[in-house]
Amino acid sequence: MPGPNFRDYRWWLLVLALLMTVLAATGPTRQRQRPLYQLIFVVDITRSMNTEDYVREGRAVSRLDFVKHSLREQLLALPCQSRVGLGIFTERRSALLFEPIEVCSGFNEIDAALAALDWRMAWAADSRIAAGLARTLEDFKTREETLVFLTDGQEAPPPNARYQPDLGEFRGQVQGVIIGVGGDNPAPIPKFDANGQRLGFYKPEDVPHRSTFGESDLNPEKIQGYDARNAPFGSQAVIGDEHLSRLHEDYLRRLAAEAGLSYQRLTDPGSLRLALQQAAFAKSGVVSEDVAWQYAGLALLALVGVFVK
C-alpha cells in the first residue's frame, strides 16, 4: 500500500480539512466588546389599543398586535447577553410581569409572554396615561433598566388639566423612551364581549367624553348649568369623538419632555430598533462569540481545493 505523497498539495489540503473540522467540533469562541441592553417593555393594553390602524402582510391589524410583532423583531435584533423584562399598563398604573432575563437563552419564554398579551388582562377599563406613567417612573427610580413605554396616548376619560401629575420631578432619574402607537386619523375602537367575541364598535354613548373628577378646569361662567357642589361640570351632556381613537402624539411628546424621556413613533419594526439601540441606552460588555463556523468554512474550502485541478 503506497504511503502519503507529501509532495501532493491535495494531501496537505486533506490534513488541513481534518484539522479544521476537529477544531470546529470543539466549539471555539472568542471574546469581544459589544453594546448590551437592559430593557423593560411596558405595553398599554387598554381597549383603544385594539384599534386596527396598522397593516401587516396586506391586512389590517390592531395596535396591540403590531406592538407584539415589533417587539418580537426587536428581541431577534438584540445582542445575546442583553436582558429584557415585560410589563403591562392599564387604568393608572403598570404591573411588571417578569424581571429582565437574557434574550437568547430566554427567547422562547419572552416570545410566549408577548404573544399572550391581551386587553382582557386589564384590571380596569380606565386609561390614565399621565398618572400611570408617573407611577411607573416612581417604580423605576431605583432600577438600572431602560423603560420602554408603548401607548397610543388616549386617556379615558379625557384628562382634567387641573389634576395632571408633575412628571418633571423624575427628570434625570429614569432613562427611557415613550413609543407612540397608532395612526393620525380617528378610527373606530372594536368592541368585544368578555369571551373575546367581537360585537362591533364603540358608539358615542358608550364612552365618557370629558372628565367629571374633582373641579372643572373651565371658567364657571362658560359652563351651562354650573353648580359648584352638585354640577361642577354643568348639566349639559357632552358628546365628542372619544369613541374614535388616534395617536395623541403631541400629548405624548409633552409627557416625554416633562419626564426627561425620549420619544419615538412606531411606524414599523425598524423604527423601534432605531429608538432602542441608541448609544445612551447601551452598556459595553464582554460577550463570547461562537466562531466554529469559521473553522468549518476553512475545512470546506480545503475539501473543495482537493478537487480543483
Protein backbone atom coordinates (compact mmCIF):
# COMPACT_ATOMS: atom_id res chain seq x y z
CA MET A 1 0.00 0.00 0.00
CA PRO A 2 1.60 3.27 -1.08
CA GLY A 3 2.23 5.90 1.63
CA PRO A 4 1.16 9.51 1.55
CA ASN A 5 2.62 11.69 -1.14
CA PHE A 6 3.91 14.66 0.77
CA ARG A 7 4.61 16.50 -2.46
CA ASP A 8 0.94 16.38 -3.47
CA TYR A 9 -0.80 19.57 -2.31
CA ARG A 10 -4.08 17.65 -2.12
CA TRP A 11 -2.73 15.55 0.73
CA TRP A 12 -1.97 18.68 2.70
CA LEU A 13 -5.42 20.07 1.93
CA LEU A 14 -6.98 16.91 3.35
CA VAL A 15 -4.88 17.27 6.50
CA LEU A 16 -5.97 20.90 6.77
CA ALA A 17 -9.64 19.97 6.31
CA LEU A 18 -9.37 17.32 9.03
CA LEU A 19 -7.65 19.74 11.42
CA MET A 20 -10.24 22.49 10.82
CA THR A 21 -13.08 20.01 11.33
CA VAL A 22 -11.64 18.88 14.67
CA LEU A 23 -11.22 22.49 15.79
CA ALA A 24 -14.80 23.36 14.75
CA ALA A 25 -16.10 20.39 16.74
CA THR A 26 -14.52 21.73 19.94
CA GLY A 27 -16.88 24.74 19.86
CA PRO A 28 -14.29 27.54 19.73
CA THR A 29 -15.29 31.04 20.91
CA ARG A 30 -13.71 34.45 21.09
CA GLN A 31 -14.25 37.35 23.46
CA ARG A 32 -15.27 40.75 22.16
CA GLN A 33 -16.67 44.04 23.44
CA ARG A 34 -20.27 44.73 22.41
CA PRO A 35 -23.03 47.16 23.39
CA LEU A 36 -25.55 45.37 25.62
CA TYR A 37 -29.04 46.49 26.62
CA GLN A 38 -31.23 46.11 29.68
CA LEU A 39 -34.81 46.97 28.71
CA ILE A 40 -38.23 46.68 30.29
CA PHE A 41 -41.16 46.93 27.87
CA VAL A 42 -44.37 48.31 29.42
CA VAL A 43 -47.23 47.81 26.97
CA ASP A 44 -50.55 49.69 27.06
CA ILE A 45 -53.31 47.03 26.88
CA THR A 46 -56.30 49.37 27.21
CA ARG A 47 -59.17 48.99 24.75
CA SER A 48 -58.09 51.72 22.34
CA MET A 49 -55.04 49.53 21.60
CA ASN A 50 -57.45 47.17 19.78
CA THR A 51 -57.94 49.83 17.10
CA GLU A 52 -56.91 48.41 13.73
CA ASP A 53 -54.89 51.15 12.03
CA TYR A 54 -51.73 49.22 11.14
CA VAL A 55 -51.24 46.97 8.12
CA ARG A 56 -49.17 43.80 8.20
CA GLU A 57 -48.88 41.30 5.36
CA GLY A 58 -51.67 43.04 3.49
CA ARG A 59 -54.29 43.06 6.26
CA ALA A 60 -55.33 45.46 9.00
CA VAL A 61 -54.06 44.56 12.47
CA SER A 62 -54.60 46.11 15.88
CA ARG A 63 -52.09 48.36 17.57
CA LEU A 64 -51.51 45.74 20.24
CA ASP A 65 -50.81 43.03 17.68
CA PHE A 66 -48.42 45.30 15.80
CA VAL A 67 -46.63 46.15 19.04
CA LYS A 68 -46.21 42.44 19.85
CA HIS A 69 -44.85 41.75 16.36
CA SER A 70 -42.44 44.70 16.56
CA LEU A 71 -41.17 43.70 20.00
CA ARG A 72 -40.54 40.16 18.79
CA GLU A 73 -38.48 41.55 15.91
CA GLN A 74 -36.57 43.63 18.44
CA LEU A 75 -35.75 40.55 20.51
CA LEU A 76 -34.15 38.98 17.44
CA ALA A 77 -32.07 42.11 16.84
CA LEU A 78 -30.69 42.48 20.37
CA PRO A 79 -27.22 41.03 21.03
CA CYS A 80 -27.00 38.00 23.30
CA GLN A 81 -26.46 38.79 26.99
CA SER A 82 -28.85 41.72 26.70
CA ARG A 83 -31.77 41.41 29.12
CA VAL A 84 -35.47 42.12 28.64
CA GLY A 85 -38.40 42.36 31.07
CA LEU A 86 -42.09 42.82 30.32
CA GLY A 87 -44.90 44.77 31.97
CA ILE A 88 -48.41 46.00 31.14
CA PHE A 89 -50.24 49.28 31.69
CA THR A 90 -53.93 49.91 32.28
CA GLU A 91 -56.07 52.21 34.47
CA ARG A 92 -53.44 54.38 36.25
CA ARG A 93 -50.54 52.03 36.95
CA SER A 94 -48.35 49.39 35.39
CA ALA A 95 -47.50 45.88 36.55
CA LEU A 96 -44.28 44.00 35.86
CA LEU A 97 -44.96 40.51 34.54
CA PHE A 98 -41.36 39.30 34.92
CA GLU A 99 -37.92 40.66 35.71
CA PRO A 100 -35.42 41.05 32.84
CA ILE A 101 -33.98 37.78 31.51
CA GLU A 102 -31.26 37.09 28.94
CA VAL A 103 -32.69 37.41 25.41
CA CYS A 104 -31.01 34.43 23.74
CA SER A 105 -31.46 31.73 26.38
CA GLY A 106 -34.87 33.13 27.36
CA PHE A 107 -36.18 33.97 23.89
CA ASN A 108 -38.93 31.33 23.87
CA GLU A 109 -40.25 32.43 27.25
CA ILE A 110 -40.22 36.13 26.36
CA ASP A 111 -41.80 35.44 22.98
CA ALA A 112 -44.57 33.36 24.56
CA ALA A 113 -45.30 36.12 27.08
CA LEU A 114 -45.53 38.70 24.30
CA ALA A 115 -47.87 36.51 22.28
CA ALA A 116 -50.16 36.13 25.29
CA LEU A 117 -50.64 39.87 25.86
CA ASP A 118 -54.36 40.63 25.63
CA TRP A 119 -56.71 43.50 26.54
CA ARG A 120 -58.58 41.14 28.87
CA MET A 121 -55.56 41.17 31.20
CA ALA A 122 -56.61 44.69 32.23
CA TRP A 123 -57.92 45.06 35.80
CA ALA A 124 -59.91 48.25 34.99
CA ALA A 125 -61.28 50.00 31.90
CA ASP A 126 -59.87 53.48 32.59
CA SER A 127 -56.74 54.72 30.83
CA ARG A 128 -54.96 57.47 32.79
CA ILE A 129 -51.74 57.69 30.78
CA ALA A 130 -50.07 60.54 32.69
CA ALA A 131 -50.91 59.09 36.10
CA GLY A 132 -49.80 55.62 35.02
CA LEU A 133 -46.56 56.98 33.62
CA ALA A 134 -45.90 58.86 36.87
CA ARG A 135 -46.33 55.71 38.96
CA THR A 136 -44.17 53.73 36.55
CA LEU A 137 -41.41 56.33 36.72
CA GLU A 138 -41.62 56.25 40.52
CA ASP A 139 -41.05 52.48 40.40
CA PHE A 140 -38.11 52.88 38.01
CA LYS A 141 -36.21 55.42 40.12
CA THR A 142 -34.32 52.58 41.81
CA ARG A 143 -33.83 50.45 38.68
CA GLU A 144 -30.97 50.37 36.17
CA GLU A 145 -33.03 49.19 33.19
CA THR A 146 -34.24 51.42 30.39
CA LEU A 147 -38.01 51.99 30.41
CA VAL A 148 -39.81 51.47 27.09
CA PHE A 149 -43.40 52.69 27.49
CA LEU A 150 -45.62 51.83 24.48
CA THR A 151 -49.00 53.58 24.24
CA ASP A 152 -51.34 55.45 21.90
CA GLY A 153 -51.72 58.25 24.46
CA GLN A 154 -55.52 58.16 24.58
CA GLU A 155 -56.78 58.87 28.09
CA ALA A 156 -60.22 57.58 29.09
CA PRO A 157 -61.85 59.64 30.39
CA PRO A 158 -60.05 62.66 28.87
CA PRO A 159 -57.60 64.25 31.33
CA ASN A 160 -58.50 67.19 33.55
CA ALA A 161 -55.55 69.59 33.29
CA ARG A 162 -56.13 70.67 36.91
CA TYR A 163 -55.09 67.23 38.20
CA GLN A 164 -52.23 66.28 35.89
CA PRO A 165 -49.19 64.86 37.75
CA ASP A 166 -45.86 66.67 37.74
CA LEU A 167 -43.50 64.49 35.72
CA GLY A 168 -40.67 66.99 36.00
CA GLU A 169 -39.62 65.51 39.34
CA PHE A 170 -38.42 62.38 37.52
CA ARG A 171 -36.20 64.24 35.06
CA GLY A 172 -32.70 62.80 35.16
CA GLN A 173 -33.74 59.93 37.44
CA VAL A 174 -35.13 57.47 34.88
CA GLN A 175 -33.74 56.56 31.48
CA GLY A 176 -36.27 55.62 28.86
CA VAL A 177 -38.38 56.28 25.80
CA ILE A 178 -42.09 56.66 25.08
CA ILE A 179 -43.14 54.83 21.92
CA GLY A 180 -46.21 56.40 20.28
CA VAL A 181 -48.53 53.78 18.76
CA GLY A 182 -51.31 54.35 16.22
CA GLY A 183 -52.31 56.42 13.22
CA ASP A 184 -53.14 60.10 12.74
CA ASN A 185 -56.75 59.66 11.65
CA PRO A 186 -59.51 58.88 14.19
CA ALA A 187 -60.57 55.25 13.79
CA PRO A 188 -63.34 53.19 15.43
CA ILE A 189 -62.46 51.14 18.50
CA PRO A 190 -63.57 47.48 18.27
CA LYS A 191 -65.95 46.29 20.98
CA PHE A 192 -65.74 42.76 22.41
CA ASP A 193 -67.62 40.76 25.00
CA ALA A 194 -65.93 39.06 27.96
CA ASN A 195 -65.22 35.99 25.84
CA GLY A 196 -63.41 37.98 23.17
CA GLN A 197 -66.27 37.83 20.64
CA ARG A 198 -66.47 40.95 18.51
CA LEU A 199 -69.67 42.98 18.94
CA GLY A 200 -68.96 45.85 16.58
CA PHE A 201 -67.50 49.24 17.57
CA TYR A 202 -67.88 51.63 20.47
CA LYS A 203 -70.51 54.34 19.95
CA PRO A 204 -70.55 57.90 21.32
CA GLU A 205 -72.88 56.93 24.17
CA ASP A 206 -70.55 54.09 25.26
CA VAL A 207 -67.63 56.24 26.45
CA PRO A 208 -67.06 59.39 28.57
CA HIS A 209 -66.24 62.47 26.54
CA ARG A 210 -64.98 64.60 29.42
CA SER A 211 -63.57 64.17 32.90
CA THR A 212 -66.05 64.55 35.75
CA PHE A 213 -63.50 64.15 38.54
CA GLY A 214 -62.91 66.98 41.00
CA GLU A 215 -63.32 70.58 39.88
CA SER A 216 -63.68 71.64 36.28
CA ASP A 217 -60.72 73.33 34.65
CA LEU A 218 -63.12 75.58 32.70
CA ASN A 219 -64.38 79.04 33.62
CA PRO A 220 -67.64 78.51 35.61
CA GLU A 221 -69.26 81.31 33.64
CA LYS A 222 -68.89 79.26 30.47
CA ILE A 223 -70.35 76.04 31.91
CA GLN A 224 -74.05 75.61 31.25
CA GLY A 225 -75.89 74.55 34.41
CA TYR A 226 -72.85 75.07 36.63
CA ASP A 227 -73.23 74.34 40.34
CA ALA A 228 -70.08 74.36 42.47
CA ARG A 229 -71.27 71.49 44.66
CA ASN A 230 -73.67 69.40 42.59
CA ALA A 231 -72.69 70.07 38.99
CA PRO A 232 -69.14 71.48 38.74
CA PHE A 233 -69.02 70.35 35.11
CA GLY A 234 -72.52 71.60 34.29
CA SER A 235 -75.76 69.83 33.50
CA GLN A 236 -75.36 69.57 29.74
CA ALA A 237 -74.39 66.19 28.30
CA VAL A 238 -71.19 66.27 26.29
CA ILE A 239 -70.86 64.30 23.07
CA GLY A 240 -67.47 64.20 21.40
CA ASP A 241 -65.32 61.80 19.42
CA GLU A 242 -63.73 59.84 22.25
CA HIS A 243 -65.33 56.68 20.81
CA LEU A 244 -62.78 57.07 18.00
CA SER A 245 -59.06 56.69 18.51
CA ARG A 246 -55.85 58.12 17.08
CA LEU A 247 -52.27 58.56 18.21
CA HIS A 248 -52.11 61.53 20.61
CA GLU A 249 -48.58 62.36 19.55
CA ASP A 250 -48.35 65.95 20.78
CA TYR A 251 -49.56 64.86 24.21
CA LEU A 252 -47.00 62.02 24.41
CA ARG A 253 -44.20 64.30 23.24
CA ARG A 254 -45.10 66.73 26.03
CA LEU A 255 -45.15 63.98 28.66
CA ALA A 256 -41.80 62.67 27.43
CA ALA A 257 -40.24 66.14 27.54
CA GLU A 258 -41.53 66.76 31.07
CA ALA A 259 -40.16 63.45 32.33
CA GLY A 260 -36.82 63.73 30.54
CA LEU A 261 -37.55 60.75 28.29
CA SER A 262 -37.07 60.49 24.55
CA TYR A 263 -39.95 59.90 22.15
CA GLN A 264 -40.27 57.77 19.01
CA ARG A 265 -43.27 56.93 16.87
CA LEU A 266 -43.83 53.28 15.96
CA THR A 267 -44.18 53.16 12.18
CA ASP A 268 -42.52 49.79 11.58
CA PRO A 269 -40.26 47.37 13.50
CA GLY A 270 -37.25 49.28 12.20
CA SER A 271 -38.37 52.48 13.90
CA LEU A 272 -38.49 50.63 17.23
CA ARG A 273 -34.98 49.29 16.72
CA LEU A 274 -33.78 52.83 15.98
CA ALA A 275 -35.37 54.08 19.20
CA LEU A 276 -33.96 51.36 21.45
CA GLN A 277 -30.48 50.65 20.13
CA GLN A 278 -29.10 54.11 20.80
CA ALA A 279 -25.78 54.70 22.49
CA ALA A 280 -27.36 56.26 25.59
CA PHE A 281 -29.21 53.02 26.38
CA ALA A 282 -26.24 50.69 25.86
CA LYS A 283 -23.61 49.43 28.26
CA SER A 284 -20.41 47.90 26.98
CA GLY A 285 -19.87 44.27 27.92
CA VAL A 286 -17.67 41.30 27.02
CA VAL A 287 -19.52 38.56 25.16
CA SER A 288 -18.45 35.12 23.95
CA GLU A 289 -18.92 34.72 20.21
CA ASP A 290 -19.12 31.32 18.52
CA VAL A 291 -16.51 31.09 15.74
CA ALA A 292 -16.90 27.37 14.89
CA TRP A 293 -18.44 28.35 11.56
CA GLN A 294 -15.14 29.98 10.53
CA TYR A 295 -13.20 26.73 11.04
CA ALA A 296 -15.93 24.74 9.31
CA GLY A 297 -15.74 27.12 6.37
CA LEU A 298 -12.00 26.65 6.07
CA ALA A 299 -12.47 22.87 6.16
CA LEU A 300 -14.98 23.10 3.33
CA LEU A 301 -12.70 25.29 1.24
CA ALA A 302 -9.84 22.84 1.75
CA LEU A 303 -12.02 19.94 0.56
CA VAL A 304 -13.09 21.93 -2.48
CA GLY A 305 -9.42 22.59 -3.24
CA VAL A 306 -8.73 18.85 -3.33
CA PHE A 307 -10.88 18.52 -6.44
CA VAL A 308 -9.59 21.61 -8.18
CA LYS A 309 -7.00 20.87 -10.83
